[in-house]
ModelCIF file with pLDDT and N, C-alpha, C, O atoms, coordinates in Angstrom:
data_MODEL
#
_entry.id   MODEL 
#
_entity.id                         1 
_entity.type                       polymer 
_entity.pdbx_number_of_molecules   1 
#
_entity_poly.entity_id                      1 
_entity_poly.type                           'polypeptide(L)' 
_entity_poly.nstd_linkage                   no 
_entity_poly.nstd_monomer                   no 
_entity_poly.pdbx_seq_one_letter_code       CRIEGLERKSPAVIIIDRLFKIKRKLKIFKNKSRKIFIFTQTKN 
_entity_poly.pdbx_seq_one_letter_code_can   CRIEGLERKSPAVIIIDRLFKIKRKLKIFKNKSRKIFIFTQTKN 
_entity_poly.pdbx_strand_id                 A 
#
loop_
_entity_poly_seq.entity_id 
_entity_poly_seq.num 
_entity_poly_seq.mon_id 
_entity_poly_seq.hetero 
1 1  CYS n 
1 2  ARG n 
1 3  ILE n 
1 4  GLU n 
1 5  GLY n 
1 6  LEU n 
1 7  GLU n 
1 8  ARG n 
1 9  LYS n 
1 10 SER n 
1 11 PRO n 
1 12 ALA n 
1 13 VAL n 
1 14 ILE n 
1 15 ILE n 
1 16 ILE n 
1 17 ASP n 
1 18 ARG n 
1 19 LEU n 
1 20 PHE n 
1 21 LYS n 
1 22 ILE n 
1 23 LYS n 
1 24 ARG n 
1 25 LYS n 
1 26 LEU n 
1 27 LYS n 
1 28 ILE n 
1 29 PHE n 
1 30 LYS n 
1 31 ASN n 
1 32 LYS n 
1 33 SER n 
1 34 ARG n 
1 35 LYS n 
1 36 ILE n 
1 37 PHE n 
1 38 ILE n 
1 39 PHE n 
1 40 THR n 
1 41 GLN n 
1 42 THR n 
1 43 LYS n 
1 44 ASN n 
#
_struct_asym.id          A 
_struct_asym.entity_id   1 
#
loop_
_ma_qa_metric.id 
_ma_qa_metric.mode 
_ma_qa_metric.name 
_ma_qa_metric.software_group_id 
_ma_qa_metric.type 
1 global pLDDT . pLDDT 
2 local  pLDDT . pLDDT 
#
_ma_qa_metric_global.metric_id      1 
_ma_qa_metric_global.metric_value   94.16 
_ma_qa_metric_global.model_id       1 
_ma_qa_metric_global.ordinal_id     1 
#
loop_
_ma_qa_metric_local.label_asym_id 
_ma_qa_metric_local.label_comp_id 
_ma_qa_metric_local.label_seq_id 
_ma_qa_metric_local.metric_id 
_ma_qa_metric_local.metric_value 
_ma_qa_metric_local.model_id 
_ma_qa_metric_local.ordinal_id 
A CYS 1  2 94.00 1 1  
A ARG 2  2 91.00 1 2  
A ILE 3  2 92.00 1 3  
A GLU 4  2 91.00 1 4  
A GLY 5  2 90.00 1 5  
A LEU 6  2 92.00 1 6  
A GLU 7  2 89.00 1 7  
A ARG 8  2 90.00 1 8  
A LYS 9  2 93.00 1 9  
A SER 10 2 94.00 1 10 
A PRO 11 2 96.00 1 11 
A ALA 12 2 97.00 1 12 
A VAL 13 2 98.00 1 13 
A ILE 14 2 98.00 1 14 
A ILE 15 2 98.00 1 15 
A ILE 16 2 97.00 1 16 
A ASP 17 2 96.00 1 17 
A ARG 18 2 94.00 1 18 
A LEU 19 2 95.00 1 19 
A PHE 20 2 97.00 1 20 
A LYS 21 2 97.00 1 21 
A ILE 22 2 98.00 1 22 
A LYS 23 2 97.00 1 23 
A ARG 24 2 95.00 1 24 
A LYS 25 2 93.00 1 25 
A LEU 26 2 97.00 1 26 
A LYS 27 2 96.00 1 27 
A ILE 28 2 96.00 1 28 
A PHE 29 2 96.00 1 29 
A LYS 30 2 92.00 1 30 
A ASN 31 2 85.00 1 31 
A LYS 32 2 85.00 1 32 
A SER 33 2 87.00 1 33 
A ARG 34 2 91.00 1 34 
A LYS 35 2 95.00 1 35 
A ILE 36 2 97.00 1 36 
A PHE 37 2 98.00 1 37 
A ILE 38 2 97.00 1 38 
A PHE 39 2 97.00 1 39 
A THR 40 2 95.00 1 40 
A GLN 41 2 93.00 1 41 
A THR 42 2 94.00 1 42 
A LYS 43 2 94.00 1 43 
A ASN 44 2 96.00 1 44 
#
loop_
_atom_site.group_PDB 
_atom_site.id 
_atom_site.type_symbol 
_atom_site.label_atom_id 
_atom_site.label_alt_id 
_atom_site.label_comp_id 
_atom_site.label_asym_id 
_atom_site.label_entity_id 
_atom_site.label_seq_id 
_atom_site.pdbx_PDB_ins_code 
_atom_site.Cartn_x 
_atom_site.Cartn_y 
_atom_site.Cartn_z 
_atom_site.occupancy 
_atom_site.B_iso_or_equiv 
_atom_site.pdbx_formal_charge 
_atom_site.auth_seq_id 
_atom_site.auth_comp_id 
_atom_site.auth_asym_id 
_atom_site.auth_atom_id 
_atom_site.pdbx_PDB_model_num 
ATOM 1   N N  . CYS A 1 1  ? -17.243 149.929 9.243  1.00 94.00 ? 1  CYS A N  1 
ATOM 2   C CA . CYS A 1 1  ? -15.896 150.407 9.865  1.00 94.00 ? 1  CYS A CA 1 
ATOM 3   C C  . CYS A 1 1  ? -15.475 151.614 9.011  1.00 94.00 ? 1  CYS A C  1 
ATOM 4   O O  . CYS A 1 1  ? -15.074 151.462 7.857  1.00 94.00 ? 1  CYS A O  1 
ATOM 5   N N  . ARG A 1 2  ? -15.576 152.819 9.603  1.00 91.00 ? 2  ARG A N  1 
ATOM 6   C CA . ARG A 1 2  ? -15.081 153.928 9.019  1.00 91.00 ? 2  ARG A CA 1 
ATOM 7   C C  . ARG A 1 2  ? -13.983 154.531 9.486  1.00 91.00 ? 2  ARG A C  1 
ATOM 8   O O  . ARG A 1 2  ? -13.930 155.703 9.860  1.00 91.00 ? 2  ARG A O  1 
ATOM 9   N N  . ILE A 1 3  ? -12.883 153.563 9.471  1.00 92.00 ? 3  ILE A N  1 
ATOM 10  C CA . ILE A 1 3  ? -11.666 153.642 9.903  1.00 92.00 ? 3  ILE A CA 1 
ATOM 11  C C  . ILE A 1 3  ? -10.936 153.371 8.666  1.00 92.00 ? 3  ILE A C  1 
ATOM 12  O O  . ILE A 1 3  ? -11.290 152.463 7.913  1.00 92.00 ? 3  ILE A O  1 
ATOM 13  N N  . GLU A 1 4  ? -9.677  154.312 8.367  1.00 91.00 ? 4  GLU A N  1 
ATOM 14  C CA . GLU A 1 4  ? -9.041  154.171 7.096  1.00 91.00 ? 4  GLU A CA 1 
ATOM 15  C C  . GLU A 1 4  ? -7.982  152.834 7.102  1.00 91.00 ? 4  GLU A C  1 
ATOM 16  O O  . GLU A 1 4  ? -7.019  152.759 7.866  1.00 91.00 ? 4  GLU A O  1 
ATOM 17  N N  . GLY A 1 5  ? -8.311  151.900 6.203  1.00 90.00 ? 5  GLY A N  1 
ATOM 18  C CA . GLY A 1 5  ? -7.572  150.667 6.057  1.00 90.00 ? 5  GLY A CA 1 
ATOM 19  C C  . GLY A 1 5  ? -8.368  149.548 6.738  1.00 90.00 ? 5  GLY A C  1 
ATOM 20  O O  . GLY A 1 5  ? -7.861  148.427 6.712  1.00 90.00 ? 5  GLY A O  1 
ATOM 21  N N  . LEU A 1 6  ? -9.864  149.752 7.505  1.00 92.00 ? 6  LEU A N  1 
ATOM 22  C CA . LEU A 1 6  ? -10.614 148.547 7.874  1.00 92.00 ? 6  LEU A CA 1 
ATOM 23  C C  . LEU A 1 6  ? -11.939 148.654 7.208  1.00 92.00 ? 6  LEU A C  1 
ATOM 24  O O  . LEU A 1 6  ? -12.884 147.902 7.445  1.00 92.00 ? 6  LEU A O  1 
ATOM 25  N N  . GLU A 1 7  ? -11.949 149.844 6.182  1.00 89.00 ? 7  GLU A N  1 
ATOM 26  C CA . GLU A 1 7  ? -13.492 149.645 5.495  1.00 89.00 ? 7  GLU A CA 1 
ATOM 27  C C  . GLU A 1 7  ? -13.471 148.255 5.046  1.00 89.00 ? 7  GLU A C  1 
ATOM 28  O O  . GLU A 1 7  ? -14.558 147.858 5.465  1.00 89.00 ? 7  GLU A O  1 
ATOM 29  N N  . ARG A 1 8  ? -12.890 147.217 4.428  1.00 90.00 ? 8  ARG A N  1 
ATOM 30  C CA . ARG A 1 8  ? -13.215 146.210 4.001  1.00 90.00 ? 8  ARG A CA 1 
ATOM 31  C C  . ARG A 1 8  ? -13.616 145.165 4.910  1.00 90.00 ? 8  ARG A C  1 
ATOM 32  O O  . ARG A 1 8  ? -14.256 144.188 4.520  1.00 90.00 ? 8  ARG A O  1 
ATOM 33  N N  . LYS A 1 9  ? -13.291 145.320 6.011  1.00 93.00 ? 9  LYS A N  1 
ATOM 34  C CA . LYS A 1 9  ? -13.794 144.333 7.514  1.00 93.00 ? 9  LYS A CA 1 
ATOM 35  C C  . LYS A 1 9  ? -15.063 144.730 7.941  1.00 93.00 ? 9  LYS A C  1 
ATOM 36  O O  . LYS A 1 9  ? -15.520 144.351 9.019  1.00 93.00 ? 9  LYS A O  1 
ATOM 37  N N  . SER A 1 10 ? -15.780 145.606 7.029  1.00 94.00 ? 10 SER A N  1 
ATOM 38  C CA . SER A 1 10 ? -17.321 146.139 7.771  1.00 94.00 ? 10 SER A CA 1 
ATOM 39  C C  . SER A 1 10 ? -17.916 144.724 7.584  1.00 94.00 ? 10 SER A C  1 
ATOM 40  O O  . SER A 1 10 ? -17.780 144.026 6.579  1.00 94.00 ? 10 SER A O  1 
ATOM 41  N N  . PRO A 1 11 ? -18.656 144.383 8.803  1.00 96.00 ? 11 PRO A N  1 
ATOM 42  C CA . PRO A 1 11 ? -19.370 142.953 8.866  1.00 96.00 ? 11 PRO A CA 1 
ATOM 43  C C  . PRO A 1 11 ? -20.376 142.807 8.109  1.00 96.00 ? 11 PRO A C  1 
ATOM 44  O O  . PRO A 1 11 ? -20.839 143.849 7.645  1.00 96.00 ? 11 PRO A O  1 
ATOM 45  N N  . ALA A 1 12 ? -20.926 141.727 7.799  1.00 97.00 ? 12 ALA A N  1 
ATOM 46  C CA . ALA A 1 12 ? -22.447 141.390 7.266  1.00 97.00 ? 12 ALA A CA 1 
ATOM 47  C C  . ALA A 1 12 ? -23.242 142.099 8.260  1.00 97.00 ? 12 ALA A C  1 
ATOM 48  O O  . ALA A 1 12 ? -22.963 142.312 9.440  1.00 97.00 ? 12 ALA A O  1 
ATOM 49  N N  . VAL A 1 13 ? -24.432 142.480 7.496  1.00 98.00 ? 13 VAL A N  1 
ATOM 50  C CA . VAL A 1 13 ? -25.686 143.078 8.654  1.00 98.00 ? 13 VAL A CA 1 
ATOM 51  C C  . VAL A 1 13 ? -26.762 142.079 8.496  1.00 98.00 ? 13 VAL A C  1 
ATOM 52  O O  . VAL A 1 13 ? -27.138 141.645 7.407  1.00 98.00 ? 13 VAL A O  1 
ATOM 53  N N  . ILE A 1 14 ? -27.227 141.745 9.635  1.00 98.00 ? 14 ILE A N  1 
ATOM 54  C CA . ILE A 1 14 ? -28.530 141.062 10.165 1.00 98.00 ? 14 ILE A CA 1 
ATOM 55  C C  . ILE A 1 14 ? -29.566 141.994 10.771 1.00 98.00 ? 14 ILE A C  1 
ATOM 56  O O  . ILE A 1 14 ? -29.240 142.839 11.605 1.00 98.00 ? 14 ILE A O  1 
ATOM 57  N N  . ILE A 1 15 ? -30.921 141.822 10.314 1.00 98.00 ? 15 ILE A N  1 
ATOM 58  C CA . ILE A 1 15 ? -31.973 143.031 10.804 1.00 98.00 ? 15 ILE A CA 1 
ATOM 59  C C  . ILE A 1 15 ? -32.848 142.049 11.150 1.00 98.00 ? 15 ILE A C  1 
ATOM 60  O O  . ILE A 1 15 ? -33.226 141.125 10.430 1.00 98.00 ? 15 ILE A O  1 
ATOM 61  N N  . ILE A 1 16 ? -33.184 142.296 12.362 1.00 97.00 ? 16 ILE A N  1 
ATOM 62  C CA . ILE A 1 16 ? -34.155 141.372 13.133 1.00 97.00 ? 16 ILE A CA 1 
ATOM 63  C C  . ILE A 1 16 ? -35.378 142.108 12.905 1.00 97.00 ? 16 ILE A C  1 
ATOM 64  O O  . ILE A 1 16 ? -35.501 143.186 13.487 1.00 97.00 ? 16 ILE A O  1 
ATOM 65  N N  . ASP A 1 17 ? -36.407 141.648 12.061 1.00 96.00 ? 17 ASP A N  1 
ATOM 66  C CA . ASP A 1 17 ? -37.537 142.495 11.719 1.00 96.00 ? 17 ASP A CA 1 
ATOM 67  C C  . ASP A 1 17 ? -38.966 141.718 11.761 1.00 96.00 ? 17 ASP A C  1 
ATOM 68  O O  . ASP A 1 17 ? -39.634 141.748 10.727 1.00 96.00 ? 17 ASP A O  1 
ATOM 69  N N  . ARG A 1 18 ? -39.372 141.164 12.663 1.00 94.00 ? 18 ARG A N  1 
ATOM 70  C CA . ARG A 1 18 ? -40.334 139.828 12.747 1.00 94.00 ? 18 ARG A CA 1 
ATOM 71  C C  . ARG A 1 18 ? -41.684 140.476 12.131 1.00 94.00 ? 18 ARG A C  1 
ATOM 72  O O  . ARG A 1 18 ? -42.606 139.736 11.790 1.00 94.00 ? 18 ARG A O  1 
ATOM 73  N N  . LEU A 1 19 ? -41.777 141.994 11.991 1.00 95.00 ? 19 LEU A N  1 
ATOM 74  C CA . LEU A 1 19 ? -43.362 142.418 11.699 1.00 95.00 ? 19 LEU A CA 1 
ATOM 75  C C  . LEU A 1 19 ? -42.929 142.905 10.062 1.00 95.00 ? 19 LEU A C  1 
ATOM 76  O O  . LEU A 1 19 ? -43.844 143.233 9.306  1.00 95.00 ? 19 LEU A O  1 
ATOM 77  N N  . PHE A 1 20 ? -41.445 142.930 9.557  1.00 97.00 ? 20 PHE A N  1 
ATOM 78  C CA . PHE A 1 20 ? -41.262 143.354 8.482  1.00 97.00 ? 20 PHE A CA 1 
ATOM 79  C C  . PHE A 1 20 ? -41.738 144.771 8.320  1.00 97.00 ? 20 PHE A C  1 
ATOM 80  O O  . PHE A 1 20 ? -42.653 145.110 7.570  1.00 97.00 ? 20 PHE A O  1 
ATOM 81  N N  . LYS A 1 21 ? -41.007 145.597 9.120  1.00 97.00 ? 21 LYS A N  1 
ATOM 82  C CA . LYS A 1 21 ? -41.459 147.231 9.477  1.00 97.00 ? 21 LYS A CA 1 
ATOM 83  C C  . LYS A 1 21 ? -40.119 147.877 9.055  1.00 97.00 ? 21 LYS A C  1 
ATOM 84  O O  . LYS A 1 21 ? -39.915 149.017 9.472  1.00 97.00 ? 21 LYS A O  1 
ATOM 85  N N  . ILE A 1 22 ? -39.175 147.288 8.277  1.00 98.00 ? 22 ILE A N  1 
ATOM 86  C CA . ILE A 1 22 ? -37.759 148.116 7.977  1.00 98.00 ? 22 ILE A CA 1 
ATOM 87  C C  . ILE A 1 22 ? -38.204 149.145 6.892  1.00 98.00 ? 22 ILE A C  1 
ATOM 88  O O  . ILE A 1 22 ? -38.871 148.832 5.906  1.00 98.00 ? 22 ILE A O  1 
ATOM 89  N N  . LYS A 1 23 ? -37.765 150.410 7.178  1.00 97.00 ? 23 LYS A N  1 
ATOM 90  C CA . LYS A 1 23 ? -38.091 151.327 5.816  1.00 97.00 ? 23 LYS A CA 1 
ATOM 91  C C  . LYS A 1 23 ? -36.833 150.873 4.472  1.00 97.00 ? 23 LYS A C  1 
ATOM 92  O O  . LYS A 1 23 ? -35.775 150.249 4.557  1.00 97.00 ? 23 LYS A O  1 
ATOM 93  N N  . ARG A 1 24 ? -37.465 151.447 3.403  1.00 95.00 ? 24 ARG A N  1 
ATOM 94  C CA . ARG A 1 24 ? -36.909 151.075 2.378  1.00 95.00 ? 24 ARG A CA 1 
ATOM 95  C C  . ARG A 1 24 ? -35.696 152.202 1.844  1.00 95.00 ? 24 ARG A C  1 
ATOM 96  O O  . ARG A 1 24 ? -34.820 151.693 1.145  1.00 95.00 ? 24 ARG A O  1 
ATOM 97  N N  . LYS A 1 25 ? -35.610 153.278 2.042  1.00 93.00 ? 25 LYS A N  1 
ATOM 98  C CA . LYS A 1 25 ? -34.587 154.300 1.834  1.00 93.00 ? 25 LYS A CA 1 
ATOM 99  C C  . LYS A 1 25 ? -33.840 154.637 3.132  1.00 93.00 ? 25 LYS A C  1 
ATOM 100 O O  . LYS A 1 25 ? -33.970 155.657 3.809  1.00 93.00 ? 25 LYS A O  1 
ATOM 101 N N  . LEU A 1 26 ? -32.984 153.522 3.365  1.00 97.00 ? 26 LEU A N  1 
ATOM 102 C CA . LEU A 1 26 ? -32.125 154.239 4.299  1.00 97.00 ? 26 LEU A CA 1 
ATOM 103 C C  . LEU A 1 26 ? -30.620 153.754 4.168  1.00 97.00 ? 26 LEU A C  1 
ATOM 104 O O  . LEU A 1 26 ? -30.249 152.765 3.536  1.00 97.00 ? 26 LEU A O  1 
ATOM 105 N N  . LYS A 1 27 ? -29.877 154.574 4.835  1.00 96.00 ? 27 LYS A N  1 
ATOM 106 C CA . LYS A 1 27 ? -28.369 154.499 4.468  1.00 96.00 ? 27 LYS A CA 1 
ATOM 107 C C  . LYS A 1 27 ? -27.561 153.209 4.233  1.00 96.00 ? 27 LYS A C  1 
ATOM 108 O O  . LYS A 1 27 ? -26.706 153.054 3.362  1.00 96.00 ? 27 LYS A O  1 
ATOM 109 N N  . ILE A 1 28 ? -28.003 152.231 5.228  1.00 96.00 ? 28 ILE A N  1 
ATOM 110 C CA . ILE A 1 28 ? -27.702 150.952 5.161  1.00 96.00 ? 28 ILE A CA 1 
ATOM 111 C C  . ILE A 1 28 ? -27.701 149.881 4.047  1.00 96.00 ? 28 ILE A C  1 
ATOM 112 O O  . ILE A 1 28 ? -26.902 148.959 3.881  1.00 96.00 ? 28 ILE A O  1 
ATOM 113 N N  . PHE A 1 29 ? -28.537 150.145 3.490  1.00 96.00 ? 29 PHE A N  1 
ATOM 114 C CA . PHE A 1 29 ? -28.613 149.611 2.012  1.00 96.00 ? 29 PHE A CA 1 
ATOM 115 C C  . PHE A 1 29 ? -27.919 150.266 0.625  1.00 96.00 ? 29 PHE A C  1 
ATOM 116 O O  . PHE A 1 29 ? -28.023 149.809 -0.513 1.00 96.00 ? 29 PHE A O  1 
ATOM 117 N N  . LYS A 1 30 ? -27.039 151.702 1.130  1.00 92.00 ? 30 LYS A N  1 
ATOM 118 C CA . LYS A 1 30 ? -26.757 152.029 0.033  1.00 92.00 ? 30 LYS A CA 1 
ATOM 119 C C  . LYS A 1 30 ? -25.314 151.307 -0.476 1.00 92.00 ? 30 LYS A C  1 
ATOM 120 O O  . LYS A 1 30 ? -24.864 151.406 -1.618 1.00 92.00 ? 30 LYS A O  1 
ATOM 121 N N  . ASN A 1 31 ? -24.723 150.590 0.589  1.00 85.00 ? 31 ASN A N  1 
ATOM 122 C CA . ASN A 1 31 ? -23.247 149.912 0.482  1.00 85.00 ? 31 ASN A CA 1 
ATOM 123 C C  . ASN A 1 31 ? -23.626 148.530 -0.019 1.00 85.00 ? 31 ASN A C  1 
ATOM 124 O O  . ASN A 1 31 ? -24.162 147.671 0.681  1.00 85.00 ? 31 ASN A O  1 
ATOM 125 N N  . LYS A 1 32 ? -23.299 148.400 -1.289 1.00 85.00 ? 32 LYS A N  1 
ATOM 126 C CA . LYS A 1 32 ? -23.324 147.085 -2.216 1.00 85.00 ? 32 LYS A CA 1 
ATOM 127 C C  . LYS A 1 32 ? -22.427 146.038 -1.887 1.00 85.00 ? 32 LYS A C  1 
ATOM 128 O O  . LYS A 1 32 ? -22.639 144.897 -2.297 1.00 85.00 ? 32 LYS A O  1 
ATOM 129 N N  . SER A 1 33 ? -21.259 146.372 -1.052 1.00 87.00 ? 33 SER A N  1 
ATOM 130 C CA . SER A 1 33 ? -19.995 145.759 -1.092 1.00 87.00 ? 33 SER A CA 1 
ATOM 131 C C  . SER A 1 33 ? -20.119 144.586 -0.132 1.00 87.00 ? 33 SER A C  1 
ATOM 132 O O  . SER A 1 33 ? -19.256 143.711 -0.209 1.00 87.00 ? 33 SER A O  1 
ATOM 133 N N  . ARG A 1 34 ? -21.140 144.460 0.807  1.00 91.00 ? 34 ARG A N  1 
ATOM 134 C CA . ARG A 1 34 ? -21.317 143.485 1.919  1.00 91.00 ? 34 ARG A CA 1 
ATOM 135 C C  . ARG A 1 34 ? -22.946 143.116 1.930  1.00 91.00 ? 34 ARG A C  1 
ATOM 136 O O  . ARG A 1 34 ? -23.927 143.751 1.542  1.00 91.00 ? 34 ARG A O  1 
ATOM 137 N N  . LYS A 1 35 ? -22.787 141.743 2.578  1.00 95.00 ? 35 LYS A N  1 
ATOM 138 C CA . LYS A 1 35 ? -24.067 140.954 2.822  1.00 95.00 ? 35 LYS A CA 1 
ATOM 139 C C  . LYS A 1 35 ? -25.302 141.700 3.774  1.00 95.00 ? 35 LYS A C  1 
ATOM 140 O O  . LYS A 1 35 ? -24.932 142.305 4.780  1.00 95.00 ? 35 LYS A O  1 
ATOM 141 N N  . ILE A 1 36 ? -26.239 141.666 3.563  1.00 97.00 ? 36 ILE A N  1 
ATOM 142 C CA . ILE A 1 36 ? -27.327 142.295 4.400  1.00 97.00 ? 36 ILE A CA 1 
ATOM 143 C C  . ILE A 1 36 ? -28.599 141.223 4.682  1.00 97.00 ? 36 ILE A C  1 
ATOM 144 O O  . ILE A 1 36 ? -29.385 141.147 3.738  1.00 97.00 ? 36 ILE A O  1 
ATOM 145 N N  . PHE A 1 37 ? -28.841 140.562 5.608  1.00 98.00 ? 37 PHE A N  1 
ATOM 146 C CA . PHE A 1 37 ? -30.094 139.788 5.537  1.00 98.00 ? 37 PHE A CA 1 
ATOM 147 C C  . PHE A 1 37 ? -31.323 140.381 6.517  1.00 98.00 ? 37 PHE A C  1 
ATOM 148 O O  . PHE A 1 37 ? -31.024 140.723 7.661  1.00 98.00 ? 37 PHE A O  1 
ATOM 149 N N  . ILE A 1 38 ? -32.374 140.470 6.164  1.00 97.00 ? 38 ILE A N  1 
ATOM 150 C CA . ILE A 1 38 ? -33.239 140.638 6.953  1.00 97.00 ? 38 ILE A CA 1 
ATOM 151 C C  . ILE A 1 38 ? -34.457 139.352 7.359  1.00 97.00 ? 38 ILE A C  1 
ATOM 152 O O  . ILE A 1 38 ? -35.312 138.855 6.626  1.00 97.00 ? 38 ILE A O  1 
ATOM 153 N N  . PHE A 1 39 ? -34.172 139.097 8.663  1.00 97.00 ? 39 PHE A N  1 
ATOM 154 C CA . PHE A 1 39 ? -34.853 138.139 9.414  1.00 97.00 ? 39 PHE A CA 1 
ATOM 155 C C  . PHE A 1 39 ? -36.354 138.548 9.611  1.00 97.00 ? 39 PHE A C  1 
ATOM 156 O O  . PHE A 1 39 ? -36.550 139.676 10.064 1.00 97.00 ? 39 PHE A O  1 
ATOM 157 N N  . THR A 1 40 ? -37.471 137.731 9.312  1.00 95.00 ? 40 THR A N  1 
ATOM 158 C CA . THR A 1 40 ? -38.526 138.150 9.447  1.00 95.00 ? 40 THR A CA 1 
ATOM 159 C C  . THR A 1 40 ? -39.696 137.168 9.828  1.00 95.00 ? 40 THR A C  1 
ATOM 160 O O  . THR A 1 40 ? -39.257 136.018 9.834  1.00 95.00 ? 40 THR A O  1 
ATOM 161 N N  . GLN A 1 41 ? -40.919 137.218 10.120 1.00 93.00 ? 41 GLN A N  1 
ATOM 162 C CA . GLN A 1 41 ? -41.688 136.358 10.584 1.00 93.00 ? 41 GLN A CA 1 
ATOM 163 C C  . GLN A 1 41 ? -42.951 136.784 9.602  1.00 93.00 ? 41 GLN A C  1 
ATOM 164 O O  . GLN A 1 41 ? -43.936 136.082 9.828  1.00 93.00 ? 41 GLN A O  1 
ATOM 165 N N  . THR A 1 42 ? -43.123 137.641 8.700  1.00 94.00 ? 42 THR A N  1 
ATOM 166 C CA . THR A 1 42 ? -44.147 138.252 8.144  1.00 94.00 ? 42 THR A CA 1 
ATOM 167 C C  . THR A 1 42 ? -44.220 138.408 6.549  1.00 94.00 ? 42 THR A C  1 
ATOM 168 O O  . THR A 1 42 ? -43.341 139.053 5.978  1.00 94.00 ? 42 THR A O  1 
ATOM 169 N N  . LYS A 1 43 ? -45.051 137.939 5.981  1.00 94.00 ? 43 LYS A N  1 
ATOM 170 C CA . LYS A 1 43 ? -44.979 137.813 4.519  1.00 94.00 ? 43 LYS A CA 1 
ATOM 171 C C  . LYS A 1 43 ? -45.502 139.244 3.997  1.00 94.00 ? 43 LYS A C  1 
ATOM 172 O O  . LYS A 1 43 ? -46.448 139.944 4.358  1.00 94.00 ? 43 LYS A O  1 
ATOM 173 N N  . ASN A 1 44 ? -44.634 139.384 3.125  1.00 96.00 ? 44 ASN A N  1 
ATOM 174 C CA . ASN A 1 44 ? -44.972 141.017 2.379  1.00 96.00 ? 44 ASN A CA 1 
ATOM 175 C C  . ASN A 1 44 ? -44.186 140.731 0.896  1.00 96.00 ? 44 ASN A C  1 
ATOM 176 O O  . ASN A 1 44 ? -44.159 141.608 0.033  1.00 96.00 ? 44 ASN A O  1 
#
């Protein structure tokens, strides 16, 4: 939520990634103030 006063209300992020193809160096992982989950069906 990039609106002044609503930053604290940025929701948790759930990434559906069945084959575990998510890249590592992405903007979304730089924000340490909220929960991020990756849902996958693949071992790595």
